[in-house]
Amino acid sequence: MMSEQLADERLQAIEAIVVGASAGGIEAMMHIFCPLPPNYPLPIISVIHMPDNHDSHLAEVFQQWTRIKVEDAEDKASIRKGRLYFAPAGYHLLIEEDATFSLSCEMPVNYSRPSIDLMMQSAAQAYGKGLLGILLTGANLDGAMGMQSVKQHGGVTIVQAPSEAKSGTMPKEAIKLQTPDLIQGLTEIKNMLLRLGEMHAVQ
């Protein structure tokens, strides 16, 4: 676990946030995203597992309940600060080194497309120590390798406490593979995001 001093030093370097979730993920993300201000100073890129054959309305749903600007990630679009992005259903979402999105129709990974692992692994390569990875509730293995990649590239990793998650499988697998920097409940994660926004707003 990080000391408070180390947390401040590492959080000052954060340039982007990636969040992954599966079963119970909409409710969990609502909890941590609803309090964010409209001028939140960092981009947040999220993947929630959705069926391939359904249009995703996540951006519309979240925009009704959050103040931060919410958008579907689009191929070749630049990643902008103050945006909450969602991966579209049926596509893998990748982050390129020039801070743009790339969408892929390649085969599912861990039975999932979009894949949390692929999104986080590509973001880790693009942002290095400037990335904060957050893994929430879920019932499969997706996200564990992605979080490991975030940490290996110098980023900060936070996993939702399995005992609090609607489905603790995904958090447990991530913890088993690579000890995260922090294991927190949703309220603590929310407070961390707000604190991070305050730190970067005054820079």
N, C-alpha and C. Protein backbone atom coordinates (compact mmCIF):
# COMPACT_ATOMS: atom_id res chain seq x y z
N MET A 1 0.83 -1.20 0.00
CA MET A 1 0.00 0.00 0.00
C MET A 1 0.87 1.26 0.00
N MET A 2 0.35 2.34 -0.59
CA MET A 2 1.12 3.57 -0.66
C MET A 2 1.02 4.35 0.64
N SER A 3 2.11 4.98 1.04
CA SER A 3 2.03 5.95 2.11
C SER A 3 1.37 7.21 1.56
N GLU A 4 0.89 8.10 2.45
CA GLU A 4 0.25 9.33 1.99
C GLU A 4 1.22 10.19 1.19
N GLN A 5 2.49 10.25 1.62
CA GLN A 5 3.48 11.05 0.91
C GLN A 5 3.71 10.51 -0.49
N LEU A 6 3.87 9.20 -0.59
CA LEU A 6 4.08 8.59 -1.89
C LEU A 6 2.85 8.75 -2.77
N ALA A 7 1.67 8.67 -2.16
CA ALA A 7 0.44 8.84 -2.93
C ALA A 7 0.41 10.22 -3.58
N ASP A 8 0.75 11.26 -2.82
CA ASP A 8 0.75 12.61 -3.37
C ASP A 8 1.74 12.73 -4.52
N GLU A 9 2.93 12.21 -4.34
CA GLU A 9 3.95 12.31 -5.39
C GLU A 9 3.51 11.61 -6.66
N ARG A 10 2.94 10.43 -6.50
CA ARG A 10 2.54 9.67 -7.69
C ARG A 10 1.27 10.21 -8.33
N LEU A 11 0.34 10.70 -7.51
CA LEU A 11 -0.89 11.24 -8.06
C LEU A 11 -0.66 12.54 -8.82
N GLN A 12 0.38 13.27 -8.46
CA GLN A 12 0.72 14.49 -9.20
C GLN A 12 1.07 14.18 -10.65
N ALA A 13 1.55 12.95 -10.91
CA ALA A 13 1.98 12.58 -12.25
C ALA A 13 0.84 12.06 -13.13
N ILE A 14 -0.33 11.83 -12.55
CA ILE A 14 -1.43 11.22 -13.30
C ILE A 14 -1.92 12.14 -14.41
N GLU A 15 -2.07 11.57 -15.61
CA GLU A 15 -2.57 12.30 -16.77
C GLU A 15 -3.91 11.76 -17.26
N ALA A 16 -4.22 10.50 -16.92
CA ALA A 16 -5.46 9.88 -17.38
C ALA A 16 -5.86 8.78 -16.42
N ILE A 17 -7.17 8.44 -16.43
CA ILE A 17 -7.73 7.43 -15.55
C ILE A 17 -8.45 6.40 -16.41
N VAL A 18 -8.22 5.12 -16.14
CA VAL A 18 -8.95 4.05 -16.83
C VAL A 18 -9.70 3.23 -15.78
N VAL A 19 -10.94 2.85 -16.12
CA VAL A 19 -11.79 2.15 -15.17
C VAL A 19 -12.44 0.97 -15.88
N GLY A 20 -12.43 -0.19 -15.22
CA GLY A 20 -13.06 -1.37 -15.78
C GLY A 20 -14.04 -2.00 -14.81
N ALA A 21 -15.14 -2.55 -15.33
CA ALA A 21 -16.13 -3.22 -14.49
C ALA A 21 -16.96 -4.16 -15.34
N SER A 22 -17.61 -5.10 -14.65
CA SER A 22 -18.53 -6.01 -15.33
C SER A 22 -19.82 -6.06 -14.52
N ALA A 23 -20.18 -7.22 -13.98
CA ALA A 23 -21.44 -7.36 -13.24
C ALA A 23 -21.51 -6.36 -12.08
N GLY A 24 -22.54 -5.56 -12.06
CA GLY A 24 -22.71 -4.53 -11.03
C GLY A 24 -21.96 -3.25 -11.32
N GLY A 25 -21.35 -3.17 -12.50
CA GLY A 25 -20.48 -2.05 -12.82
C GLY A 25 -21.18 -0.72 -13.01
N ILE A 26 -22.39 -0.74 -13.54
CA ILE A 26 -23.10 0.53 -13.76
C ILE A 26 -23.35 1.22 -12.43
N GLU A 27 -23.87 0.48 -11.45
CA GLU A 27 -24.14 1.07 -10.14
C GLU A 27 -22.84 1.55 -9.48
N ALA A 28 -21.78 0.75 -9.60
CA ALA A 28 -20.50 1.13 -8.99
C ALA A 28 -19.94 2.40 -9.63
N MET A 29 -20.01 2.48 -10.96
CA MET A 29 -19.50 3.66 -11.64
C MET A 29 -20.35 4.89 -11.35
N MET A 30 -21.65 4.71 -11.24
CA MET A 30 -22.50 5.84 -10.86
C MET A 30 -22.05 6.43 -9.52
N HIS A 31 -21.71 5.55 -8.59
CA HIS A 31 -21.31 5.99 -7.26
C HIS A 31 -20.05 6.85 -7.31
N ILE A 32 -19.09 6.47 -8.14
CA ILE A 32 -17.82 7.21 -8.14
C ILE A 32 -17.80 8.37 -9.13
N PHE A 33 -18.67 8.33 -10.15
CA PHE A 33 -18.65 9.39 -11.17
C PHE A 33 -19.65 10.52 -10.90
N CYS A 34 -20.76 10.24 -10.25
CA CYS A 34 -21.79 11.27 -10.06
C CYS A 34 -21.28 12.52 -9.34
N PRO A 35 -20.40 12.41 -8.35
CA PRO A 35 -19.95 13.62 -7.64
C PRO A 35 -18.92 14.46 -8.40
N LEU A 36 -18.41 13.97 -9.52
CA LEU A 36 -17.34 14.70 -10.20
C LEU A 36 -17.86 16.02 -10.78
N PRO A 37 -17.08 17.09 -10.67
CA PRO A 37 -17.51 18.39 -11.19
C PRO A 37 -17.46 18.44 -12.71
N PRO A 38 -18.18 19.37 -13.34
CA PRO A 38 -18.17 19.46 -14.80
C PRO A 38 -16.82 19.84 -15.38
N ASN A 39 -15.98 20.47 -14.57
CA ASN A 39 -14.65 20.88 -15.05
C ASN A 39 -13.55 19.95 -14.55
N TYR A 40 -13.88 18.68 -14.36
CA TYR A 40 -12.87 17.72 -13.89
C TYR A 40 -11.67 17.75 -14.83
N PRO A 41 -10.45 17.85 -14.29
CA PRO A 41 -9.30 18.19 -15.13
C PRO A 41 -8.61 17.03 -15.84
N LEU A 42 -9.14 15.81 -15.72
CA LEU A 42 -8.49 14.65 -16.33
C LEU A 42 -9.49 13.86 -17.17
N PRO A 43 -9.01 13.14 -18.19
CA PRO A 43 -9.90 12.23 -18.93
C PRO A 43 -10.08 10.93 -18.17
N ILE A 44 -11.30 10.37 -18.24
CA ILE A 44 -11.60 9.07 -17.64
C ILE A 44 -12.11 8.16 -18.75
N ILE A 45 -11.48 7.01 -18.91
CA ILE A 45 -11.82 6.08 -20.00
C ILE A 45 -12.32 4.79 -19.36
N SER A 46 -13.55 4.39 -19.69
CA SER A 46 -14.19 3.29 -18.98
C SER A 46 -14.65 2.19 -19.92
N VAL A 47 -14.56 0.97 -19.41
CA VAL A 47 -15.10 -0.20 -20.10
C VAL A 47 -16.03 -0.94 -19.15
N ILE A 48 -17.27 -1.15 -19.59
CA ILE A 48 -18.22 -2.03 -18.91
C ILE A 48 -18.61 -3.11 -19.91
N HIS A 49 -18.59 -4.36 -19.49
CA HIS A 49 -18.97 -5.44 -20.40
C HIS A 49 -20.43 -5.30 -20.81
N MET A 50 -20.64 -5.31 -22.13
CA MET A 50 -21.99 -5.21 -22.69
C MET A 50 -22.14 -6.26 -23.78
N PRO A 51 -23.35 -6.76 -24.01
CA PRO A 51 -23.57 -7.71 -25.11
C PRO A 51 -23.23 -7.08 -26.45
N ASP A 52 -22.57 -7.84 -27.35
CA ASP A 52 -22.17 -7.31 -28.66
C ASP A 52 -23.36 -6.86 -29.49
N ASN A 53 -24.48 -7.56 -29.33
CA ASN A 53 -25.60 -7.33 -30.25
C ASN A 53 -26.57 -6.26 -29.76
N HIS A 54 -26.15 -5.47 -28.78
CA HIS A 54 -26.99 -4.38 -28.30
C HIS A 54 -26.25 -3.05 -28.42
N ASP A 55 -26.97 -2.03 -28.85
CA ASP A 55 -26.37 -0.69 -28.86
C ASP A 55 -26.14 -0.25 -27.42
N SER A 56 -24.99 0.38 -27.19
CA SER A 56 -24.69 0.88 -25.86
C SER A 56 -25.29 2.28 -25.69
N HIS A 57 -26.03 2.45 -24.62
CA HIS A 57 -26.57 3.77 -24.29
C HIS A 57 -25.94 4.29 -23.01
N LEU A 58 -24.74 3.78 -22.70
CA LEU A 58 -24.10 4.15 -21.44
C LEU A 58 -23.85 5.65 -21.35
N ALA A 59 -23.36 6.23 -22.44
CA ALA A 59 -23.06 7.66 -22.41
C ALA A 59 -24.32 8.47 -22.12
N GLU A 60 -25.43 8.11 -22.75
CA GLU A 60 -26.68 8.83 -22.53
C GLU A 60 -27.16 8.67 -21.10
N VAL A 61 -27.09 7.44 -20.58
CA VAL A 61 -27.56 7.18 -19.22
C VAL A 61 -26.71 7.94 -18.20
N PHE A 62 -25.39 7.86 -18.35
CA PHE A 62 -24.52 8.51 -17.38
C PHE A 62 -24.61 10.03 -17.47
N GLN A 63 -24.86 10.56 -18.67
CA GLN A 63 -24.95 12.01 -18.81
C GLN A 63 -26.16 12.57 -18.05
N GLN A 64 -27.19 11.74 -17.88
CA GLN A 64 -28.36 12.20 -17.14
C GLN A 64 -28.08 12.35 -15.65
N TRP A 65 -27.06 11.64 -15.16
CA TRP A 65 -26.81 11.60 -13.72
C TRP A 65 -25.49 12.22 -13.30
N THR A 66 -24.65 12.59 -14.25
CA THR A 66 -23.34 13.16 -13.92
C THR A 66 -23.19 14.54 -14.51
N ARG A 67 -22.29 15.33 -13.95
CA ARG A 67 -22.05 16.69 -14.43
C ARG A 67 -20.89 16.76 -15.40
N ILE A 68 -19.96 15.79 -15.33
CA ILE A 68 -18.86 15.74 -16.27
C ILE A 68 -19.41 15.39 -17.65
N LYS A 69 -18.78 15.88 -18.70
CA LYS A 69 -19.21 15.59 -20.07
C LYS A 69 -18.94 14.12 -20.38
N VAL A 70 -19.96 13.41 -20.90
CA VAL A 70 -19.86 11.97 -21.18
C VAL A 70 -19.97 11.73 -22.68
N GLU A 71 -19.08 10.89 -23.22
CA GLU A 71 -19.08 10.60 -24.65
C GLU A 71 -18.75 9.12 -24.90
N ASP A 72 -19.24 8.61 -26.04
CA ASP A 72 -18.75 7.33 -26.53
C ASP A 72 -17.38 7.56 -27.17
N ALA A 73 -16.44 6.67 -26.92
CA ALA A 73 -15.14 6.77 -27.56
C ALA A 73 -15.28 6.48 -29.05
N GLU A 74 -14.66 7.30 -29.88
CA GLU A 74 -14.75 7.15 -31.33
C GLU A 74 -13.37 6.90 -31.92
N ASP A 75 -13.34 6.08 -32.95
CA ASP A 75 -12.08 5.73 -33.60
C ASP A 75 -11.34 6.98 -34.09
N LYS A 76 -10.08 7.06 -33.78
CA LYS A 76 -9.16 8.14 -34.19
C LYS A 76 -9.40 9.47 -33.46
N ALA A 77 -10.37 9.51 -32.54
CA ALA A 77 -10.65 10.76 -31.81
C ALA A 77 -9.58 11.01 -30.76
N SER A 78 -9.26 12.27 -30.55
CA SER A 78 -8.29 12.64 -29.53
C SER A 78 -8.93 12.56 -28.14
N ILE A 79 -8.15 12.13 -27.17
CA ILE A 79 -8.61 12.04 -25.79
C ILE A 79 -8.51 13.42 -25.15
N ARG A 80 -9.62 13.93 -24.64
CA ARG A 80 -9.67 15.29 -24.10
C ARG A 80 -9.86 15.27 -22.59
N LYS A 81 -9.30 16.26 -21.93
CA LYS A 81 -9.49 16.40 -20.50
C LYS A 81 -10.95 16.75 -20.20
N GLY A 82 -11.38 16.41 -18.99
CA GLY A 82 -12.74 16.76 -18.61
C GLY A 82 -13.80 15.96 -19.31
N ARG A 83 -13.46 14.75 -19.75
CA ARG A 83 -14.42 13.88 -20.44
C ARG A 83 -14.44 12.52 -19.77
N LEU A 84 -15.64 11.93 -19.70
CA LEU A 84 -15.81 10.54 -19.31
C LEU A 84 -16.19 9.76 -20.55
N TYR A 85 -15.31 8.86 -20.96
CA TYR A 85 -15.52 8.09 -22.19
C TYR A 85 -15.94 6.65 -21.86
N PHE A 86 -16.80 6.10 -22.72
CA PHE A 86 -17.18 4.70 -22.62
C PHE A 86 -16.85 3.97 -23.92
N ALA A 87 -16.38 2.74 -23.79
CA ALA A 87 -16.15 1.91 -24.97
C ALA A 87 -17.49 1.51 -25.57
N PRO A 88 -17.63 1.60 -26.90
CA PRO A 88 -18.89 1.17 -27.52
C PRO A 88 -19.02 -0.35 -27.49
N ALA A 89 -20.25 -0.85 -27.42
CA ALA A 89 -20.49 -2.29 -27.39
C ALA A 89 -19.98 -2.94 -28.67
N GLY A 90 -19.36 -4.11 -28.53
CA GLY A 90 -18.92 -4.88 -29.69
C GLY A 90 -17.56 -4.51 -30.23
N TYR A 91 -16.87 -3.56 -29.62
CA TYR A 91 -15.55 -3.13 -30.08
C TYR A 91 -14.55 -3.13 -28.92
N HIS A 92 -13.34 -3.58 -29.20
CA HIS A 92 -12.25 -3.35 -28.27
C HIS A 92 -11.84 -1.88 -28.37
N LEU A 93 -11.55 -1.27 -27.24
CA LEU A 93 -11.12 0.12 -27.20
C LEU A 93 -9.65 0.16 -26.81
N LEU A 94 -8.83 0.72 -27.69
CA LEU A 94 -7.39 0.82 -27.45
C LEU A 94 -6.99 2.28 -27.40
N ILE A 95 -5.95 2.57 -26.63
CA ILE A 95 -5.41 3.92 -26.52
C ILE A 95 -4.05 3.94 -27.20
N GLU A 96 -3.91 4.84 -28.17
CA GLU A 96 -2.66 4.94 -28.90
C GLU A 96 -1.69 5.87 -28.17
N GLU A 97 -0.41 5.80 -28.54
CA GLU A 97 0.60 6.59 -27.85
C GLU A 97 0.47 8.09 -28.11
N ASP A 98 -0.28 8.48 -29.14
CA ASP A 98 -0.51 9.90 -29.39
C ASP A 98 -1.80 10.39 -28.72
N ALA A 99 -2.29 9.62 -27.72
CA ALA A 99 -3.50 9.98 -26.96
C ALA A 99 -4.73 10.08 -27.85
N THR A 100 -4.89 9.10 -28.75
CA THR A 100 -6.10 8.97 -29.53
C THR A 100 -6.68 7.57 -29.31
N PHE A 101 -7.96 7.41 -29.67
CA PHE A 101 -8.62 6.11 -29.53
C PHE A 101 -8.48 5.29 -30.81
N SER A 102 -8.51 3.99 -30.63
CA SER A 102 -8.56 3.07 -31.75
C SER A 102 -9.58 1.98 -31.41
N LEU A 103 -10.51 1.71 -32.33
CA LEU A 103 -11.51 0.67 -32.12
C LEU A 103 -11.17 -0.55 -32.95
N SER A 104 -11.39 -1.74 -32.39
CA SER A 104 -11.03 -2.98 -33.05
C SER A 104 -12.16 -3.99 -32.93
N CYS A 105 -12.36 -4.78 -34.00
CA CYS A 105 -13.36 -5.86 -33.99
C CYS A 105 -12.71 -7.22 -33.84
N GLU A 106 -11.48 -7.27 -33.34
CA GLU A 106 -10.80 -8.55 -33.16
C GLU A 106 -11.56 -9.42 -32.17
N MET A 107 -11.17 -10.70 -32.10
CA MET A 107 -11.88 -11.68 -31.30
C MET A 107 -11.97 -11.25 -29.83
N PRO A 108 -13.05 -11.65 -29.14
CA PRO A 108 -13.17 -11.34 -27.71
C PRO A 108 -11.98 -11.86 -26.90
N VAL A 109 -11.67 -11.19 -25.84
CA VAL A 109 -10.63 -11.60 -24.91
C VAL A 109 -11.31 -11.86 -23.57
N ASN A 110 -11.05 -13.05 -22.98
CA ASN A 110 -11.78 -13.46 -21.77
C ASN A 110 -13.29 -13.38 -22.01
N TYR A 111 -13.69 -13.78 -23.22
CA TYR A 111 -15.10 -13.81 -23.61
C TYR A 111 -15.72 -12.42 -23.68
N SER A 112 -14.89 -11.39 -23.72
CA SER A 112 -15.42 -10.02 -23.65
C SER A 112 -14.90 -9.16 -24.79
N ARG A 113 -15.80 -8.38 -25.36
CA ARG A 113 -15.45 -7.33 -26.32
C ARG A 113 -16.45 -6.22 -26.16
N PRO A 114 -16.08 -5.13 -25.51
CA PRO A 114 -14.72 -4.66 -25.23
C PRO A 114 -14.03 -5.41 -24.08
N SER A 115 -12.72 -5.46 -24.16
CA SER A 115 -11.89 -6.10 -23.15
C SER A 115 -11.27 -5.04 -22.24
N ILE A 116 -11.44 -5.22 -20.94
CA ILE A 116 -10.79 -4.33 -19.98
C ILE A 116 -9.28 -4.48 -20.07
N ASP A 117 -8.82 -5.73 -20.19
CA ASP A 117 -7.37 -5.98 -20.28
C ASP A 117 -6.73 -5.21 -21.43
N LEU A 118 -7.30 -5.33 -22.62
CA LEU A 118 -6.71 -4.67 -23.79
C LEU A 118 -6.71 -3.16 -23.63
N MET A 119 -7.81 -2.61 -23.11
CA MET A 119 -7.87 -1.17 -22.91
C MET A 119 -6.80 -0.70 -21.94
N MET A 120 -6.68 -1.41 -20.81
CA MET A 120 -5.71 -1.00 -19.79
C MET A 120 -4.27 -1.23 -20.25
N GLN A 121 -4.01 -2.32 -20.94
CA GLN A 121 -2.65 -2.59 -21.41
C GLN A 121 -2.20 -1.54 -22.41
N SER A 122 -3.07 -1.14 -23.31
CA SER A 122 -2.70 -0.12 -24.29
C SER A 122 -2.53 1.24 -23.61
N ALA A 123 -3.38 1.53 -22.63
CA ALA A 123 -3.26 2.79 -21.90
C ALA A 123 -1.98 2.84 -21.09
N ALA A 124 -1.59 1.70 -20.51
CA ALA A 124 -0.36 1.64 -19.73
C ALA A 124 0.85 1.95 -20.60
N GLN A 125 0.85 1.44 -21.82
CA GLN A 125 1.96 1.72 -22.74
C GLN A 125 1.96 3.18 -23.16
N ALA A 126 0.79 3.77 -23.29
CA ALA A 126 0.69 5.15 -23.76
C ALA A 126 1.03 6.16 -22.66
N TYR A 127 0.60 5.90 -21.42
CA TYR A 127 0.72 6.89 -20.35
C TYR A 127 1.78 6.56 -19.30
N GLY A 128 2.19 5.29 -19.19
CA GLY A 128 3.21 4.93 -18.20
C GLY A 128 2.81 5.33 -16.80
N LYS A 129 3.69 6.05 -16.12
CA LYS A 129 3.43 6.47 -14.73
C LYS A 129 2.34 7.52 -14.64
N GLY A 130 1.87 8.01 -15.78
CA GLY A 130 0.80 9.00 -15.80
C GLY A 130 -0.59 8.40 -15.80
N LEU A 131 -0.70 7.08 -15.52
CA LEU A 131 -2.00 6.41 -15.59
C LEU A 131 -2.45 5.93 -14.22
N LEU A 132 -3.73 6.14 -13.94
CA LEU A 132 -4.39 5.54 -12.77
C LEU A 132 -5.37 4.50 -13.28
N GLY A 133 -5.20 3.26 -12.85
CA GLY A 133 -6.10 2.17 -13.22
C GLY A 133 -7.00 1.79 -12.05
N ILE A 134 -8.30 1.68 -12.31
CA ILE A 134 -9.27 1.32 -11.28
C ILE A 134 -10.08 0.12 -11.78
N LEU A 135 -10.13 -0.94 -10.99
CA LEU A 135 -10.91 -2.12 -11.35
C LEU A 135 -12.01 -2.32 -10.31
N LEU A 136 -13.23 -2.42 -10.81
CA LEU A 136 -14.40 -2.54 -9.94
C LEU A 136 -15.00 -3.94 -10.02
N THR A 137 -16.21 -4.07 -9.56
CA THR A 137 -16.93 -5.33 -9.49
C THR A 137 -17.00 -6.06 -10.83
N GLY A 138 -17.01 -7.39 -10.78
CA GLY A 138 -17.11 -8.19 -12.01
C GLY A 138 -17.01 -9.67 -11.71
N ALA A 139 -17.58 -10.48 -12.62
CA ALA A 139 -17.69 -11.92 -12.36
C ALA A 139 -16.75 -12.78 -13.19
N ASN A 140 -15.77 -12.14 -13.88
CA ASN A 140 -14.84 -12.97 -14.66
C ASN A 140 -13.40 -12.54 -14.38
N LEU A 141 -12.48 -12.92 -15.28
CA LEU A 141 -11.05 -12.66 -15.06
C LEU A 141 -10.57 -11.39 -15.73
N ASP A 142 -11.40 -10.76 -16.53
CA ASP A 142 -10.96 -9.59 -17.29
C ASP A 142 -10.55 -8.46 -16.35
N GLY A 143 -9.46 -7.79 -16.71
CA GLY A 143 -8.98 -6.67 -15.91
C GLY A 143 -7.76 -6.98 -15.07
N ALA A 144 -7.57 -8.24 -14.68
CA ALA A 144 -6.43 -8.59 -13.83
C ALA A 144 -5.11 -8.32 -14.54
N MET A 145 -4.98 -8.80 -15.78
CA MET A 145 -3.74 -8.58 -16.52
C MET A 145 -3.58 -7.11 -16.91
N GLY A 146 -4.69 -6.44 -17.14
CA GLY A 146 -4.61 -5.02 -17.45
C GLY A 146 -4.08 -4.21 -16.28
N MET A 147 -4.56 -4.52 -15.09
CA MET A 147 -4.08 -3.82 -13.90
C MET A 147 -2.61 -4.14 -13.64
N GLN A 148 -2.22 -5.38 -13.89
CA GLN A 148 -0.81 -5.75 -13.74
C GLN A 148 0.06 -4.92 -14.68
N SER A 149 -0.42 -4.72 -15.90
CA SER A 149 0.33 -3.92 -16.88
C SER A 149 0.44 -2.47 -16.44
N VAL A 150 -0.65 -1.91 -15.89
CA VAL A 150 -0.61 -0.53 -15.40
C VAL A 150 0.49 -0.39 -14.35
N LYS A 151 0.53 -1.33 -13.41
CA LYS A 151 1.52 -1.25 -12.34
C LYS A 151 2.93 -1.45 -12.88
N GLN A 152 3.11 -2.39 -13.80
CA GLN A 152 4.43 -2.66 -14.36
C GLN A 152 4.98 -1.47 -15.14
N HIS A 153 4.11 -0.65 -15.68
CA HIS A 153 4.53 0.55 -16.41
C HIS A 153 4.64 1.77 -15.51
N GLY A 154 4.50 1.57 -14.22
CA GLY A 154 4.71 2.66 -13.27
C GLY A 154 3.47 3.41 -12.84
N GLY A 155 2.29 2.99 -13.32
CA GLY A 155 1.06 3.66 -12.95
C GLY A 155 0.57 3.28 -11.57
N VAL A 156 -0.52 3.92 -11.15
CA VAL A 156 -1.14 3.66 -9.85
C VAL A 156 -2.34 2.75 -10.06
N THR A 157 -2.52 1.77 -9.16
CA THR A 157 -3.62 0.81 -9.31
C THR A 157 -4.49 0.79 -8.06
N ILE A 158 -5.81 0.83 -8.29
CA ILE A 158 -6.79 0.75 -7.20
C ILE A 158 -7.81 -0.33 -7.56
N VAL A 159 -8.05 -1.25 -6.63
CA VAL A 159 -9.04 -2.31 -6.83
C VAL A 159 -10.14 -2.16 -5.79
N GLN A 160 -11.39 -2.29 -6.23
CA GLN A 160 -12.50 -2.25 -5.29
C GLN A 160 -12.40 -3.41 -4.31
N ALA A 161 -12.66 -3.16 -3.05
CA ALA A 161 -12.62 -4.20 -2.03
C ALA A 161 -13.59 -5.32 -2.42
N PRO A 162 -13.10 -6.56 -2.59
CA PRO A 162 -13.98 -7.66 -3.03
C PRO A 162 -15.18 -7.87 -2.12
N SER A 163 -15.01 -7.64 -0.82
CA SER A 163 -16.11 -7.84 0.12
C SER A 163 -17.26 -6.87 -0.12
N GLU A 164 -16.97 -5.73 -0.74
CA GLU A 164 -17.99 -4.73 -1.00
C GLU A 164 -18.60 -4.86 -2.39
N ALA A 165 -17.87 -5.47 -3.31
CA ALA A 165 -18.29 -5.56 -4.71
C ALA A 165 -19.53 -6.44 -4.86
N LYS A 166 -20.38 -6.11 -5.81
CA LYS A 166 -21.54 -6.96 -6.11
C LYS A 166 -21.06 -8.34 -6.53
N SER A 167 -19.99 -8.39 -7.32
CA SER A 167 -19.33 -9.63 -7.67
C SER A 167 -17.83 -9.45 -7.42
N GLY A 168 -17.28 -10.19 -6.50
CA GLY A 168 -15.90 -9.99 -6.09
C GLY A 168 -14.88 -10.74 -6.90
N THR A 169 -15.30 -11.52 -7.90
CA THR A 169 -14.37 -12.36 -8.65
C THR A 169 -13.28 -11.54 -9.34
N MET A 170 -13.68 -10.52 -10.06
CA MET A 170 -12.71 -9.73 -10.82
C MET A 170 -11.72 -9.01 -9.91
N PRO A 171 -12.18 -8.33 -8.86
CA PRO A 171 -11.22 -7.74 -7.94
C PRO A 171 -10.28 -8.77 -7.31
N LYS A 172 -10.81 -9.93 -6.91
CA LYS A 172 -9.97 -10.95 -6.29
C LYS A 172 -8.89 -11.44 -7.24
N GLU A 173 -9.23 -11.63 -8.52
CA GLU A 173 -8.25 -12.11 -9.50
C GLU A 173 -7.15 -11.07 -9.70
N ALA A 174 -7.52 -9.80 -9.72
CA ALA A 174 -6.52 -8.75 -9.89
C ALA A 174 -5.57 -8.70 -8.70
N ILE A 175 -6.13 -8.83 -7.49
CA ILE A 175 -5.31 -8.81 -6.28
C ILE A 175 -4.38 -10.01 -6.24
N LYS A 176 -4.89 -11.17 -6.69
CA LYS A 176 -4.09 -12.39 -6.70
C LYS A 176 -2.92 -12.28 -7.67
N LEU A 177 -3.14 -11.65 -8.81
CA LEU A 177 -2.10 -11.56 -9.84
C LEU A 177 -1.04 -10.53 -9.49
N GLN A 178 -1.45 -9.39 -8.97
CA GLN A 178 -0.50 -8.30 -8.67
C GLN A 178 -1.10 -7.44 -7.56
N THR A 179 -0.44 -7.36 -6.43
CA THR A 179 -0.97 -6.56 -5.32
C THR A 179 -1.14 -5.11 -5.76
N PRO A 180 -2.35 -4.58 -5.70
CA PRO A 180 -2.56 -3.18 -6.13
C PRO A 180 -2.01 -2.20 -5.11
N ASP A 181 -1.89 -0.96 -5.52
CA ASP A 181 -1.44 0.08 -4.60
C ASP A 181 -2.47 0.30 -3.50
N LEU A 182 -3.75 0.24 -3.87
CA LEU A 182 -4.81 0.47 -2.89
C LEU A 182 -5.96 -0.50 -3.14
N ILE A 183 -6.57 -0.99 -2.06
CA ILE A 183 -7.81 -1.76 -2.11
C ILE A 183 -8.82 -0.95 -1.32
N GLN A 184 -9.85 -0.45 -1.99
CA GLN A 184 -10.74 0.52 -1.36
C GLN A 184 -12.20 0.23 -1.65
N GLY A 185 -13.07 0.76 -0.79
CA GLY A 185 -14.49 0.76 -1.06
C GLY A 185 -14.84 1.87 -2.03
N LEU A 186 -16.07 1.86 -2.53
CA LEU A 186 -16.47 2.84 -3.54
C LEU A 186 -16.40 4.28 -3.02
N THR A 187 -16.75 4.48 -1.77
CA THR A 187 -16.70 5.85 -1.23
C THR A 187 -15.25 6.34 -1.18
N GLU A 188 -14.33 5.47 -0.82
CA GLU A 188 -12.91 5.84 -0.80
C GLU A 188 -12.40 6.12 -2.22
N ILE A 189 -12.83 5.31 -3.18
CA ILE A 189 -12.42 5.54 -4.57
C ILE A 189 -12.97 6.88 -5.07
N LYS A 190 -14.22 7.14 -4.76
CA LYS A 190 -14.83 8.43 -5.12
C LYS A 190 -14.03 9.59 -4.53
N ASN A 191 -13.69 9.48 -3.27
CA ASN A 191 -12.93 10.55 -2.61
C ASN A 191 -11.53 10.70 -3.22
N MET A 192 -10.93 9.58 -3.64
CA MET A 192 -9.63 9.64 -4.29
C MET A 192 -9.73 10.39 -5.62
N LEU A 193 -10.78 10.13 -6.39
CA LEU A 193 -10.96 10.83 -7.66
C LEU A 193 -11.17 12.32 -7.43
N LEU A 194 -11.96 12.67 -6.43
CA LEU A 194 -12.18 14.09 -6.13
C LEU A 194 -10.88 14.75 -5.69
N ARG A 195 -10.12 14.09 -4.86
CA ARG A 195 -8.83 14.62 -4.40
C ARG A 195 -7.88 14.79 -5.57
N LEU A 196 -7.87 13.80 -6.46
CA LEU A 196 -7.00 13.88 -7.63
C LEU A 196 -7.39 15.09 -8.50
N GLY A 197 -8.70 15.30 -8.66
CA GLY A 197 -9.14 16.45 -9.43
C GLY A 197 -8.73 17.76 -8.80
N GLU A 198 -8.81 17.86 -7.49
CA GLU A 198 -8.39 19.07 -6.79
C GLU A 198 -6.88 19.31 -6.95
N MET A 199 -6.09 18.25 -6.88
CA MET A 199 -4.65 18.38 -7.02
C MET A 199 -4.27 18.93 -8.38
N HIS A 200 -4.95 18.46 -9.42
CA HIS A 200 -4.60 18.86 -10.77
C HIS A 200 -5.24 20.18 -11.17
N ALA A 201 -6.32 20.54 -10.51
CA ALA A 201 -6.99 21.81 -10.84
C ALA A 201 -6.14 23.00 -10.43
N VAL A 202 -5.30 22.85 -9.41
CA VAL A 202 -4.51 23.97 -8.92
C VAL A 202 -3.12 24.03 -9.53
N GLN A 203 -2.80 23.10 -10.43
CA GLN A 203 -1.46 23.10 -11.04
C GLN A 203 -1.35 24.21 -12.08
